[in-house]
Amino acid sequence: MRLLVVEDEVKVARALRDGLAAAGYDVVVCLDGEDACEHALREVFDGAVLDLMLPRRSGLEILAALRARAPATRVLLLTARDAIEDRVRGLDAGADDYLVKPFAFVELLARLRALLRRDHHEPHRLAVADLELDPSTRTVRRGGRQVELTAREYEVLEYLVRNQGQLVSREMLAREVWRETLRATSLDNVIDVHIARLRRKVDHDHATKLIHTVRGVGFLLREPTE
């Protein structure tokens, strides 16, 4: 499952990232509210761990962005303040749970598991037109027929589907799929090769093409229009 972690204390952020990654989560870490809001508005996360007090944007603003993009995202708020008013304000704003600093990581992990289990009985599938992805099994079907992808091809396709209808640049793919913060021409070439392979596997035998290139900008996966 994919988690957004927003924490401005670097040591705490690193500890959360390492601990959650070790527990099997795919973790995106942001150190300030502005960066977190950008991620929340362009991507879909299964869950989020948000500090309330952040530079540039507050945890409540990020919560609003998450709710606008994906209302089902489970959100756990963190704060150093333990006033009842703060807890109520966070929960009223749409948070699913609340944890006061300092906290034990095992408790945070348990609370996250409990939150994410709420939707476990409903397998979360992604779909665009007749293209279907099941993140729990990493399987892909187009028109009811299974599409065989490599692990990296699946990751690229899932990222495009989660951002359907929006332009996805090579820089975004390098950062979010390959986890590379510094782009290089060689990596751009690798990304282009993966996109070409996805087109052959996903679009080739279908009259309706879903994956499009926007020259000089990036890629776009979208449903067909009239």
C-alpha atoms as a PDB file:
ATOM      1  CA  MET A   1       0.000   0.000   0.000  1.00  0.00           C
ATOM      2  CA  ARG A   2       1.108   3.540  -0.751  1.00  0.00           C
ATOM      3  CA  LEU A   3       1.529   6.011   2.105  1.00  0.00           C
ATOM      4  CA  LEU A   4       2.155   9.750   2.219  1.00  0.00           C
ATOM      5  CA  VAL A   5       4.171  10.780   5.286  1.00  0.00           C
ATOM      6  CA  VAL A   6       4.402  14.501   6.045  1.00  0.00           C
ATOM      7  CA  GLU A   7       6.740  15.456   8.894  1.00  0.00           C
ATOM      8  CA  ASP A   8       9.066  18.471   9.100  1.00  0.00           C
ATOM      9  CA  GLU A   9      11.393  17.003  11.726  1.00  0.00           C
ATOM     10  CA  VAL A  10      14.004  15.302   9.557  1.00  0.00           C
ATOM     11  CA  LYS A  11      14.980  12.582  12.051  1.00  0.00           C
ATOM     12  CA  VAL A  12      11.368  11.672  12.722  1.00  0.00           C
ATOM     13  CA  ALA A  13      10.579  11.662   8.987  1.00  0.00           C
ATOM     14  CA  ARG A  14      13.502   9.339   8.262  1.00  0.00           C
ATOM     15  CA  ALA A  15      12.544   7.009  11.095  1.00  0.00           C
ATOM     16  CA  LEU A  16       8.960   6.824   9.839  1.00  0.00           C
ATOM     17  CA  ARG A  17      10.091   6.245   6.266  1.00  0.00           C
ATOM     18  CA  ASP A  18      12.485   3.447   7.230  1.00  0.00           C
ATOM     19  CA  GLY A  19      10.089   1.806   9.667  1.00  0.00           C
ATOM     20  CA  LEU A  20       7.102   1.868   7.320  1.00  0.00           C
ATOM     21  CA  ALA A  21       9.191   0.683   4.369  1.00  0.00           C
ATOM     22  CA  ALA A  22      10.435  -2.215   6.502  1.00  0.00           C
ATOM     23  CA  ALA A  23       6.799  -3.044   7.247  1.00  0.00           C
ATOM     24  CA  GLY A  24       6.123  -3.374   3.524  1.00  0.00           C
ATOM     25  CA  TYR A  25       4.637   0.016   2.661  1.00  0.00           C
ATOM     26  CA  ASP A  26       5.547   2.158  -0.349  1.00  0.00           C
ATOM     27  CA  VAL A  27       6.347   5.482   1.332  1.00  0.00           C
ATOM     28  CA  VAL A  28       6.523   9.028  -0.056  1.00  0.00           C
ATOM     29  CA  VAL A  29       7.975  11.497   2.470  1.00  0.00           C
ATOM     30  CA  CYS A  30       7.485  15.278   2.411  1.00  0.00           C
ATOM     31  CA  LEU A  31       9.135  17.722   4.808  1.00  0.00           C
ATOM     32  CA  ASP A  32       6.828  20.699   4.262  1.00  0.00           C
ATOM     33  CA  GLY A  33       3.168  21.340   3.594  1.00  0.00           C
ATOM     34  CA  GLU A  34       3.547  22.853   0.128  1.00  0.00           C
ATOM     35  CA  ASP A  35       5.349  19.810  -1.259  1.00  0.00           C
ATOM     36  CA  ALA A  36       2.826  17.520   0.427  1.00  0.00           C
ATOM     37  CA  CYS A  37      -0.140  19.384  -1.086  1.00  0.00           C
ATOM     38  CA  GLU A  38       1.367  19.014  -4.554  1.00  0.00           C
ATOM     39  CA  HIS A  39       1.693  15.243  -4.052  1.00  0.00           C
ATOM     40  CA  ALA A  40      -1.810  15.008  -2.579  1.00  0.00           C
ATOM     41  CA  LEU A  41      -3.369  16.820  -5.540  1.00  0.00           C
ATOM     42  CA  ARG A  42      -1.658  14.804  -8.279  1.00  0.00           C
ATOM     43  CA  GLU A  43      -1.417  11.313  -6.774  1.00  0.00           C
ATOM     44  CA  VAL A  44      -3.569   8.747  -5.006  1.00  0.00           C
ATOM     45  CA  PHE A  45      -2.494   7.242  -1.667  1.00  0.00           C
ATOM     46  CA  ASP A  46      -4.013   4.428   0.375  1.00  0.00           C
ATOM     47  CA  GLY A  47      -3.127   6.216   3.604  1.00  0.00           C
ATOM     48  CA  ALA A  48      -1.366   9.258   5.016  1.00  0.00           C
ATOM     49  CA  VAL A  49       0.440  10.214   8.217  1.00  0.00           C
ATOM     50  CA  LEU A  50       0.272  13.998   8.652  1.00  0.00           C
ATOM     51  CA  ASP A  51       1.877  16.279  11.191  1.00  0.00           C
ATOM     52  CA  LEU A  52      -0.493  19.148  12.003  1.00  0.00           C
ATOM     53  CA  MET A  53       2.146  21.852  12.452  1.00  0.00           C
ATOM     54  CA  LEU A  54       4.142  22.243   9.230  1.00  0.00           C
ATOM     55  CA  PRO A  55       5.965  24.996   7.350  1.00  0.00           C
ATOM     56  CA  ARG A  56       4.246  26.610   4.321  1.00  0.00           C
ATOM     57  CA  ARG A  57       0.974  24.641   4.617  1.00  0.00           C
ATOM     58  CA  SER A  58      -0.763  23.050   7.616  1.00  0.00           C
ATOM     59  CA  GLY A  59      -1.676  19.420   8.040  1.00  0.00           C
ATOM     60  CA  LEU A  60      -5.337  20.404   7.757  1.00  0.00           C
ATOM     61  CA  GLU A  61      -4.728  21.950   4.317  1.00  0.00           C
ATOM     62  CA  ILE A  62      -3.043  18.737   3.170  1.00  0.00           C
ATOM     63  CA  LEU A  63      -5.963  16.763   4.578  1.00  0.00           C
ATOM     64  CA  ALA A  64      -8.353  18.870   2.487  1.00  0.00           C
ATOM     65  CA  ALA A  65      -6.250  18.231  -0.639  1.00  0.00           C
ATOM     66  CA  LEU A  66      -6.242  14.483   0.020  1.00  0.00           C
ATOM     67  CA  ARG A  67      -9.992  14.409   0.537  1.00  0.00           C
ATOM     68  CA  ALA A  68     -10.545  16.343  -2.711  1.00  0.00           C
ATOM     69  CA  ARG A  69      -8.355  13.938  -4.747  1.00  0.00           C
ATOM     70  CA  ALA A  70      -9.253  10.614  -3.092  1.00  0.00           C
ATOM     71  CA  PRO A  71     -11.949  10.705  -0.385  1.00  0.00           C
ATOM     72  CA  ALA A  72     -11.256   7.092   0.679  1.00  0.00           C
ATOM     73  CA  THR A  73      -7.640   7.787   1.741  1.00  0.00           C
ATOM     74  CA  ARG A  74      -7.146   6.874   5.413  1.00  0.00           C
ATOM     75  CA  VAL A  75      -5.496   9.701   7.372  1.00  0.00           C
ATOM     76  CA  LEU A  76      -3.679   9.566  10.707  1.00  0.00           C
ATOM     77  CA  LEU A  77      -2.797  12.963  12.215  1.00  0.00           C
ATOM     78  CA  LEU A  78       0.282  13.554  14.360  1.00  0.00           C
ATOM     79  CA  THR A  79       0.802  16.500  16.686  1.00  0.00           C
ATOM     80  CA  ALA A  80       2.882  17.504  19.646  1.00  0.00           C
ATOM     81  CA  ARG A  81      -0.170  19.173  21.146  1.00  0.00           C
ATOM     82  CA  ASP A  82      -2.585  17.146  23.253  1.00  0.00           C
ATOM     83  CA  ALA A  83      -5.420  19.630  23.717  1.00  0.00           C
ATOM     84  CA  ILE A  84      -8.884  18.183  23.205  1.00  0.00           C
ATOM     85  CA  GLU A  85      -9.713  21.102  20.883  1.00  0.00           C
ATOM     86  CA  ASP A  86      -6.913  20.118  18.486  1.00  0.00           C
ATOM     87  CA  ARG A  87      -8.080  16.521  18.369  1.00  0.00           C
ATOM     88  CA  VAL A  88     -11.655  17.542  17.677  1.00  0.00           C
ATOM     89  CA  ARG A  89     -10.597  20.027  14.996  1.00  0.00           C
ATOM     90  CA  GLY A  90      -8.568  17.387  13.185  1.00  0.00           C
ATOM     91  CA  LEU A  91     -11.268  14.739  13.341  1.00  0.00           C
ATOM     92  CA  ASP A  92     -13.957  17.201  12.266  1.00  0.00           C
ATOM     93  CA  ALA A  93     -11.795  18.113   9.273  1.00  0.00           C
ATOM     94  CA  GLY A  94     -11.932  14.493   8.102  1.00  0.00           C
ATOM     95  CA  ALA A  95      -9.023  12.686   9.777  1.00  0.00           C
ATOM     96  CA  ASP A  96      -9.635   9.022  10.610  1.00  0.00           C
ATOM     97  CA  ASP A  97      -7.445   8.868  13.715  1.00  0.00           C
ATOM     98  CA  TYR A  98      -5.153  10.957  15.889  1.00  0.00           C
ATOM     99  CA  LEU A  99      -1.830  10.259  17.621  1.00  0.00           C
ATOM    100  CA  VAL A 100      -0.074  12.623  20.031  1.00  0.00           C
ATOM    101  CA  LYS A 101       3.715  13.004  20.044  1.00  0.00           C
ATOM    102  CA  PRO A 102       5.807  11.483  21.421  1.00  0.00           C
ATOM    103  CA  PHE A 103       4.470   8.123  20.294  1.00  0.00           C
ATOM    104  CA  ALA A 104       5.706   4.547  20.033  1.00  0.00           C
ATOM    105  CA  PHE A 105       6.236   3.436  16.442  1.00  0.00           C
ATOM    106  CA  VAL A 106       4.548   0.090  17.160  1.00  0.00           C
ATOM    107  CA  GLU A 107       1.386   1.968  18.148  1.00  0.00           C
ATOM    108  CA  LEU A 108       1.478   4.091  14.991  1.00  0.00           C
ATOM    109  CA  LEU A 109       1.917   0.931  12.919  1.00  0.00           C
ATOM    110  CA  ALA A 110      -1.000  -0.764  14.680  1.00  0.00           C
ATOM    111  CA  ARG A 111      -3.258   2.239  14.147  1.00  0.00           C
ATOM    112  CA  LEU A 112      -2.361   2.361  10.460  1.00  0.00           C
ATOM    113  CA  ARG A 113      -3.067  -1.343  10.043  1.00  0.00           C
ATOM    114  CA  ALA A 114      -6.461  -0.862  11.695  1.00  0.00           C
ATOM    115  CA  LEU A 115      -7.317   2.088   9.443  1.00  0.00           C
ATOM    116  CA  LEU A 116      -6.248   0.360   6.240  1.00  0.00           C
ATOM    117  CA  ARG A 117      -8.097  -2.842   7.166  1.00  0.00           C
ATOM    118  CA  ARG A 118     -11.417  -0.997   7.045  1.00  0.00           C
ATOM    119  CA  ASP A 119     -11.573  -1.349   3.275  1.00  0.00           C
ATOM    120  CA  HIS A 120      -9.854  -4.740   3.104  1.00  0.00           C
ATOM    121  CA  HIS A 121     -13.114  -6.534   2.287  1.00  0.00           C
ATOM    122  CA  GLU A 122     -13.390  -4.448  -0.887  1.00  0.00           C
ATOM    123  CA  PRO A 123     -10.442  -5.171  -3.222  1.00  0.00           C
ATOM    124  CA  HIS A 124      -9.276  -1.849  -4.558  1.00  0.00           C
ATOM    125  CA  ARG A 125      -9.187  -2.002  -8.348  1.00  0.00           C
ATOM    126  CA  LEU A 126      -8.162   0.739 -10.752  1.00  0.00           C
ATOM    127  CA  ALA A 127      -9.843   1.128 -14.119  1.00  0.00           C
ATOM    128  CA  VAL A 128      -9.748   3.329 -17.202  1.00  0.00           C
ATOM    129  CA  ALA A 129     -12.195   2.348 -19.960  1.00  0.00           C
ATOM    130  CA  ASP A 130     -11.708  -1.438 -20.412  1.00  0.00           C
ATOM    131  CA  LEU A 131      -8.270  -1.416 -18.737  1.00  0.00           C
ATOM    132  CA  GLU A 132      -8.287  -2.854 -15.199  1.00  0.00           C
ATOM    133  CA  LEU A 133      -5.500  -3.077 -12.622  1.00  0.00           C
ATOM    134  CA  ASP A 134      -5.570  -4.944  -9.318  1.00  0.00           C
ATOM    135  CA  PRO A 135      -2.823  -3.452  -7.094  1.00  0.00           C
ATOM    136  CA  SER A 136      -3.175  -6.263  -4.547  1.00  0.00           C
ATOM    137  CA  THR A 137      -2.101  -8.883  -7.110  1.00  0.00           C
ATOM    138  CA  ARG A 138      -0.404  -6.540  -9.617  1.00  0.00           C
ATOM    139  CA  THR A 139      -2.446  -8.032 -12.446  1.00  0.00           C
ATOM    140  CA  VAL A 140      -3.638  -6.164 -15.528  1.00  0.00           C
ATOM    141  CA  ARG A 141      -6.520  -6.869 -17.907  1.00  0.00           C
ATOM    142  CA  ARG A 142      -7.565  -5.102 -21.083  1.00  0.00           C
ATOM    143  CA  GLY A 143     -10.928  -6.008 -22.531  1.00  0.00           C
ATOM    144  CA  GLY A 144     -11.105  -8.919 -20.113  1.00  0.00           C
ATOM    145  CA  ARG A 145      -7.823 -10.453 -21.273  1.00  0.00           C
ATOM    146  CA  GLN A 146      -4.781 -10.583 -18.999  1.00  0.00           C
ATOM    147  CA  VAL A 147      -1.789  -8.445 -19.993  1.00  0.00           C
ATOM    148  CA  GLU A 148       1.629  -9.781 -18.975  1.00  0.00           C
ATOM    149  CA  LEU A 149       3.917  -7.005 -17.695  1.00  0.00           C
ATOM    150  CA  THR A 150       7.297  -6.859 -16.025  1.00  0.00           C
ATOM    151  CA  ALA A 151       7.414  -5.428 -12.503  1.00  0.00           C
ATOM    152  CA  ARG A 152       8.672  -2.047 -13.751  1.00  0.00           C
ATOM    153  CA  GLU A 153       6.174  -1.894 -16.599  1.00  0.00           C
ATOM    154  CA  TYR A 154       3.382  -2.517 -14.095  1.00  0.00           C
ATOM    155  CA  GLU A 155       4.674   0.280 -11.827  1.00  0.00           C
ATOM    156  CA  VAL A 156       4.768   2.747 -14.721  1.00  0.00           C
ATOM    157  CA  LEU A 157       1.278   1.758 -15.863  1.00  0.00           C
ATOM    158  CA  GLU A 158      -0.169   1.981 -12.341  1.00  0.00           C
ATOM    159  CA  TYR A 159       1.320   5.461 -11.932  1.00  0.00           C
ATOM    160  CA  LEU A 160      -0.245   6.564 -15.224  1.00  0.00           C
ATOM    161  CA  VAL A 161      -3.613   5.075 -14.248  1.00  0.00           C
ATOM    162  CA  ARG A 162      -3.561   6.683 -10.804  1.00  0.00           C
ATOM    163  CA  ASN A 163      -2.931   9.992 -12.577  1.00  0.00           C
ATOM    164  CA  GLN A 164      -5.355   9.388 -15.434  1.00  0.00           C
ATOM    165  CA  GLY A 165      -6.324  12.470 -17.374  1.00  0.00           C
ATOM    166  CA  GLN A 166      -3.267  14.371 -16.148  1.00  0.00           C
ATOM    167  CA  LEU A 167       0.056  14.992 -17.849  1.00  0.00           C
ATOM    168  CA  VAL A 168       2.853  12.872 -16.405  1.00  0.00           C
ATOM    169  CA  SER A 169       6.357  14.107 -17.147  1.00  0.00           C
ATOM    170  CA  ARG A 170       9.517  12.015 -17.391  1.00  0.00           C
ATOM    171  CA  GLU A 171      10.710  13.840 -14.292  1.00  0.00           C
ATOM    172  CA  MET A 172       7.654  12.623 -12.353  1.00  0.00           C
ATOM    173  CA  LEU A 173       8.210   9.034 -13.490  1.00  0.00           C
ATOM    174  CA  ALA A 174      11.911   9.229 -12.630  1.00  0.00           C
ATOM    175  CA  ARG A 175      11.130  10.521  -9.152  1.00  0.00           C
ATOM    176  CA  GLU A 176       8.050   8.488  -8.249  1.00  0.00           C
ATOM    177  CA  VAL A 177       8.673   5.170 -10.047  1.00  0.00           C
ATOM    178  CA  TRP A 178      12.450   4.918 -10.377  1.00  0.00           C
ATOM    179  CA  ARG A 179      13.019   6.880  -7.123  1.00  0.00           C
ATOM    180  CA  GLU A 180      15.693   8.998  -8.824  1.00  0.00           C
ATOM    181  CA  THR A 181      15.760  12.680  -7.862  1.00  0.00           C
ATOM    182  CA  LEU A 182      18.371  13.624 -10.479  1.00  0.00           C
ATOM    183  CA  ARG A 183      17.259  13.039 -14.053  1.00  0.00           C
ATOM    184  CA  ALA A 184      19.707  11.942 -16.697  1.00  0.00           C
ATOM    185  CA  THR A 185      19.286  11.507 -20.450  1.00  0.00           C
ATOM    186  CA  SER A 186      19.967   7.787 -20.075  1.00  0.00           C
ATOM    187  CA  LEU A 187      17.036   7.447 -17.653  1.00  0.00           C
ATOM    188  CA  ASP A 188      14.770   9.403 -20.028  1.00  0.00           C
ATOM    189  CA  ASN A 189      15.639   6.842 -22.688  1.00  0.00           C
ATOM    190  CA  VAL A 190      14.801   3.980 -20.322  1.00  0.00           C
ATOM    191  CA  ILE A 191      11.442   5.607 -19.524  1.00  0.00           C
ATOM    192  CA  ASP A 192      10.676   5.979 -23.242  1.00  0.00           C
ATOM    193  CA  VAL A 193      11.472   2.296 -23.795  1.00  0.00           C
ATOM    194  CA  HIS A 194       9.056   1.284 -21.031  1.00  0.00           C
ATOM    195  CA  ILE A 195       6.315   3.505 -22.453  1.00  0.00           C
ATOM    196  CA  ALA A 196       6.841   1.972 -25.902  1.00  0.00           C
ATOM    197  CA  ARG A 197       6.570  -1.542 -24.445  1.00  0.00           C
ATOM    198  CA  LEU A 198       3.388  -0.598 -22.578  1.00  0.00           C
ATOM    199  CA  ARG A 199       1.859   0.713 -25.796  1.00  0.00           C
ATOM    200  CA  ARG A 200       2.590  -2.590 -27.540  1.00  0.00           C
ATOM    201  CA  LYS A 201       1.148  -4.646 -24.693  1.00  0.00           C
ATOM    202  CA  VAL A 202      -1.793  -2.451 -23.654  1.00  0.00           C
ATOM    203  CA  ASP A 203      -2.863  -0.617 -26.827  1.00  0.00           C
ATOM    204  CA  HIS A 204      -1.550  -2.535 -29.857  1.00  0.00           C
ATOM    205  CA  ASP A 205      -4.483  -4.913 -30.429  1.00  0.00           C
ATOM    206  CA  HIS A 206      -7.161  -2.338 -29.564  1.00  0.00           C
ATOM    207  CA  ALA A 207      -8.736   0.306 -31.779  1.00  0.00           C
ATOM    208  CA  THR A 208      -8.991   2.662 -28.804  1.00  0.00           C
ATOM    209  CA  LYS A 209      -5.591   3.897 -27.631  1.00  0.00           C
ATOM    210  CA  LEU A 210      -5.259   4.905 -23.987  1.00  0.00           C
ATOM    211  CA  ILE A 211      -1.581   5.911 -23.697  1.00  0.00           C
ATOM    212  CA  HIS A 212      -0.628   9.155 -25.447  1.00  0.00           C
ATOM    213  CA  THR A 213       2.565  11.173 -25.801  1.00  0.00           C
ATOM    214  CA  VAL A 214       2.445  14.947 -25.463  1.00  0.00           C
ATOM    215  CA  ARG A 215       5.529  16.000 -27.385  1.00  0.00           C
ATOM    216  CA  GLY A 216       8.047  17.881 -25.285  1.00  0.00           C
ATOM    217  CA  VAL A 217       5.989  17.439 -22.102  1.00  0.00           C
ATOM    218  CA  GLY A 218       5.389  13.799 -21.198  1.00  0.00           C
ATOM    219  CA  PHE A 219       2.626  11.220 -21.274  1.00  0.00           C
ATOM    220  CA  LEU A 220      -1.100  11.041 -20.743  1.00  0.00           C
ATOM    221  CA  LEU A 221      -3.375   8.084 -20.050  1.00  0.00           C
ATOM    222  CA  ARG A 222      -7.024   8.918 -20.577  1.00  0.00           C
ATOM    223  CA  GLU A 223     -10.379   7.476 -21.489  1.00  0.00           C
ATOM    224  CA  PRO A 224     -11.435   7.954 -25.108  1.00  0.00           C
ATOM    225  CA  THR A 225     -13.582  10.966 -25.910  1.00  0.00           C
ATOM    226  CA  GLU A 226     -16.343  11.281 -28.445  1.00  0.00           C
END
